[in-house]
Amino acid sequence: MNRVRQLRDQFWMQLQDRFRDRVVLNGHPDRRLPNTLNVSFVERVGADILAALTGIAASTGSACHSGHIELSPVLAAMRVPPSVGMGAVRFSLGRTTRSEEISEVIERLSGVLT
């Protein structure tokens, strides 16, 4: 899990470098699962981002009921504002994840978020 944790942290650093104040970490900076990165893309909708990222191991932090997207109750309890929380995406990494794959996701996100 140490290698996966390092990849997760590399992923977060690359997201920050590329998107600056348009990406926010959800959760504690240190006390979190080593294979999961939960971030929000400010003023975006996570489901829209995921729709453009086929083949990526990710999910949204919101729930869809009758075509209406709502802020995740967990993010709401954390007092994450809707303008941030609605853009939540949870990325999962595993023992076979490679650094090159993270760079590819960053590039694909750049195309989606421009």
C-alpha atoms as a PDB file:
ATOM      1  CA  MET A   1       0.000   0.000   0.000  1.00  0.00           C
ATOM      2  CA  ASN A   2       2.981   2.335   0.374  1.00  0.00           C
ATOM      3  CA  ARG A   3       3.448   2.476  -3.409  1.00  0.00           C
ATOM      4  CA  VAL A   4      -0.271   3.111  -3.923  1.00  0.00           C
ATOM      5  CA  ARG A   5      -0.196   5.888  -1.310  1.00  0.00           C
ATOM      6  CA  GLN A   6       2.736   7.503  -3.134  1.00  0.00           C
ATOM      7  CA  LEU A   7       0.821   7.330  -6.428  1.00  0.00           C
ATOM      8  CA  ARG A   8      -2.258   8.850  -4.776  1.00  0.00           C
ATOM      9  CA  ASP A   9      -0.155  11.703  -3.424  1.00  0.00           C
ATOM     10  CA  GLN A  10       1.497  12.161  -6.828  1.00  0.00           C
ATOM     11  CA  PHE A  11      -1.970  12.304  -8.387  1.00  0.00           C
ATOM     12  CA  TRP A  12      -3.084  14.987  -5.905  1.00  0.00           C
ATOM     13  CA  MET A  13       0.056  17.081  -6.524  1.00  0.00           C
ATOM     14  CA  GLN A  14      -0.447  16.890 -10.294  1.00  0.00           C
ATOM     15  CA  LEU A  15      -4.095  17.906  -9.917  1.00  0.00           C
ATOM     16  CA  GLN A  16      -3.076  20.903  -7.807  1.00  0.00           C
ATOM     17  CA  ASP A  17      -0.374  21.909 -10.282  1.00  0.00           C
ATOM     18  CA  ARG A  18      -2.753  21.727 -13.239  1.00  0.00           C
ATOM     19  CA  PHE A  19      -5.994  23.067 -11.773  1.00  0.00           C
ATOM     20  CA  ARG A  20      -4.783  25.245  -8.876  1.00  0.00           C
ATOM     21  CA  ASP A  21      -7.757  26.757  -7.022  1.00  0.00           C
ATOM     22  CA  ARG A  22     -10.252  24.906  -9.241  1.00  0.00           C
ATOM     23  CA  VAL A  23      -9.628  21.635  -7.361  1.00  0.00           C
ATOM     24  CA  VAL A  24     -10.180  20.964  -3.645  1.00  0.00           C
ATOM     25  CA  LEU A  25      -9.264  17.934  -1.545  1.00  0.00           C
ATOM     26  CA  ASN A  26     -12.224  16.387   0.267  1.00  0.00           C
ATOM     27  CA  GLY A  27     -11.294  14.881   3.605  1.00  0.00           C
ATOM     28  CA  HIS A  28      -8.290  14.930   5.860  1.00  0.00           C
ATOM     29  CA  PRO A  29      -4.960  15.636   4.145  1.00  0.00           C
ATOM     30  CA  ASP A  30      -3.179  12.743   5.903  1.00  0.00           C
ATOM     31  CA  ARG A  31      -5.725  10.433   7.555  1.00  0.00           C
ATOM     32  CA  ARG A  32      -7.373   8.828   4.545  1.00  0.00           C
ATOM     33  CA  LEU A  33      -7.354   5.602   2.611  1.00  0.00           C
ATOM     34  CA  PRO A  34      -4.123   5.073   0.681  1.00  0.00           C
ATOM     35  CA  ASN A  35      -5.903   3.967  -2.502  1.00  0.00           C
ATOM     36  CA  THR A  36      -8.571   6.661  -2.755  1.00  0.00           C
ATOM     37  CA  LEU A  37      -8.452  10.309  -3.765  1.00  0.00           C
ATOM     38  CA  ASN A  38     -11.629  12.333  -3.320  1.00  0.00           C
ATOM     39  CA  VAL A  39     -11.498  15.792  -4.864  1.00  0.00           C
ATOM     40  CA  SER A  40     -13.958  18.430  -5.996  1.00  0.00           C
ATOM     41  CA  PHE A  41     -13.729  20.474  -9.159  1.00  0.00           C
ATOM     42  CA  VAL A  42     -15.108  23.888  -8.216  1.00  0.00           C
ATOM     43  CA  GLU A  43     -18.254  25.078 -10.013  1.00  0.00           C
ATOM     44  CA  ARG A  44     -18.494  21.780 -11.940  1.00  0.00           C
ATOM     45  CA  VAL A  45     -20.721  18.701 -11.706  1.00  0.00           C
ATOM     46  CA  GLY A  46     -18.930  15.445 -10.961  1.00  0.00           C
ATOM     47  CA  ALA A  47     -21.347  13.364 -13.047  1.00  0.00           C
ATOM     48  CA  ASP A  48     -20.592  15.510 -16.112  1.00  0.00           C
ATOM     49  CA  ILE A  49     -16.865  15.054 -15.596  1.00  0.00           C
ATOM     50  CA  LEU A  50     -17.222  11.285 -15.232  1.00  0.00           C
ATOM     51  CA  ALA A  51     -19.370  11.050 -18.352  1.00  0.00           C
ATOM     52  CA  ALA A  52     -16.383  12.350 -20.310  1.00  0.00           C
ATOM     53  CA  LEU A  53     -13.875  10.033 -18.595  1.00  0.00           C
ATOM     54  CA  THR A  54     -14.937   6.574 -19.737  1.00  0.00           C
ATOM     55  CA  GLY A  55     -12.678   3.773 -18.604  1.00  0.00           C
ATOM     56  CA  ILE A  56     -11.466   5.586 -15.471  1.00  0.00           C
ATOM     57  CA  ALA A  57     -11.982   4.024 -12.015  1.00  0.00           C
ATOM     58  CA  ALA A  58     -13.940   6.860 -10.423  1.00  0.00           C
ATOM     59  CA  SER A  59     -17.333   7.726  -8.984  1.00  0.00           C
ATOM     60  CA  THR A  60     -19.157  10.879  -7.945  1.00  0.00           C
ATOM     61  CA  GLY A  61     -19.814  12.237  -4.492  1.00  0.00           C
ATOM     62  CA  SER A  62     -23.408  13.145  -5.238  1.00  0.00           C
ATOM     63  CA  ALA A  63     -26.612  11.218  -5.578  1.00  0.00           C
ATOM     64  CA  CYS A  64     -29.052  11.408  -8.475  1.00  0.00           C
ATOM     65  CA  HIS A  65     -32.727  11.087  -7.686  1.00  0.00           C
ATOM     66  CA  SER A  66     -35.308  11.496 -10.448  1.00  0.00           C
ATOM     67  CA  GLY A  67     -32.842  13.350 -12.667  1.00  0.00           C
ATOM     68  CA  HIS A  68     -31.947  15.836  -9.914  1.00  0.00           C
ATOM     69  CA  ILE A  69     -28.357  15.769  -8.620  1.00  0.00           C
ATOM     70  CA  GLU A  70     -27.903  16.451  -4.901  1.00  0.00           C
ATOM     71  CA  LEU A  71     -24.866  17.105  -2.756  1.00  0.00           C
ATOM     72  CA  SER A  72     -23.586  14.027  -0.943  1.00  0.00           C
ATOM     73  CA  PRO A  73     -24.841  13.924   2.668  1.00  0.00           C
ATOM     74  CA  VAL A  74     -21.262  13.250   3.800  1.00  0.00           C
ATOM     75  CA  LEU A  75     -19.921  16.345   2.039  1.00  0.00           C
ATOM     76  CA  ALA A  76     -22.857  18.367   3.345  1.00  0.00           C
ATOM     77  CA  ALA A  77     -22.066  17.203   6.902  1.00  0.00           C
ATOM     78  CA  MET A  78     -18.459  18.300   6.322  1.00  0.00           C
ATOM     79  CA  ARG A  79     -19.860  21.754   5.456  1.00  0.00           C
ATOM     80  CA  VAL A  80     -18.533  21.597   1.904  1.00  0.00           C
ATOM     81  CA  PRO A  81     -20.381  24.297  -0.060  1.00  0.00           C
ATOM     82  CA  PRO A  82     -22.528  23.038  -2.959  1.00  0.00           C
ATOM     83  CA  SER A  83     -20.437  25.016  -5.476  1.00  0.00           C
ATOM     84  CA  VAL A  84     -17.521  22.796  -4.477  1.00  0.00           C
ATOM     85  CA  GLY A  85     -19.177  19.542  -3.413  1.00  0.00           C
ATOM     86  CA  MET A  86     -21.249  19.066  -6.555  1.00  0.00           C
ATOM     87  CA  GLY A  87     -17.976  18.633  -8.446  1.00  0.00           C
ATOM     88  CA  ALA A  88     -16.795  15.774  -6.233  1.00  0.00           C
ATOM     89  CA  VAL A  89     -15.101  12.814  -7.879  1.00  0.00           C
ATOM     90  CA  ARG A  90     -13.600   9.831  -6.039  1.00  0.00           C
ATOM     91  CA  PHE A  91     -10.697   8.187  -7.869  1.00  0.00           C
ATOM     92  CA  SER A  92      -9.581   4.687  -6.906  1.00  0.00           C
ATOM     93  CA  LEU A  93      -6.059   3.375  -7.335  1.00  0.00           C
ATOM     94  CA  GLY A  94      -4.885  -0.206  -7.055  1.00  0.00           C
ATOM     95  CA  ARG A  95      -1.790  -2.337  -7.005  1.00  0.00           C
ATOM     96  CA  THR A  96      -1.641  -2.322 -10.809  1.00  0.00           C
ATOM     97  CA  THR A  97      -2.017   1.470 -11.174  1.00  0.00           C
ATOM     98  CA  ARG A  98       0.955   3.047 -12.947  1.00  0.00           C
ATOM     99  CA  SER A  99       2.290   6.587 -12.840  1.00  0.00           C
ATOM    100  CA  GLU A 100       1.697   6.903 -16.597  1.00  0.00           C
ATOM    101  CA  GLU A 101      -2.011   6.202 -16.050  1.00  0.00           C
ATOM    102  CA  ILE A 102      -2.251   9.059 -13.575  1.00  0.00           C
ATOM    103  CA  SER A 103      -0.636  11.405 -16.086  1.00  0.00           C
ATOM    104  CA  GLU A 104      -3.128  10.239 -18.714  1.00  0.00           C
ATOM    105  CA  VAL A 105      -6.062  10.998 -16.398  1.00  0.00           C
ATOM    106  CA  ILE A 106      -4.645  14.480 -15.748  1.00  0.00           C
ATOM    107  CA  GLU A 107      -4.459  15.112 -19.506  1.00  0.00           C
ATOM    108  CA  ARG A 108      -7.974  13.820 -20.064  1.00  0.00           C
ATOM    109  CA  LEU A 109      -9.278  15.981 -17.217  1.00  0.00           C
ATOM    110  CA  SER A 110      -7.568  18.986 -18.772  1.00  0.00           C
ATOM    111  CA  GLY A 111      -9.540  18.401 -21.956  1.00  0.00           C
ATOM    112  CA  VAL A 112     -12.803  18.066 -20.026  1.00  0.00           C
ATOM    113  CA  LEU A 113     -12.310  21.045 -17.712  1.00  0.00           C
ATOM    114  CA  THR A 114     -11.137  23.673 -20.207  1.00  0.00           C
END
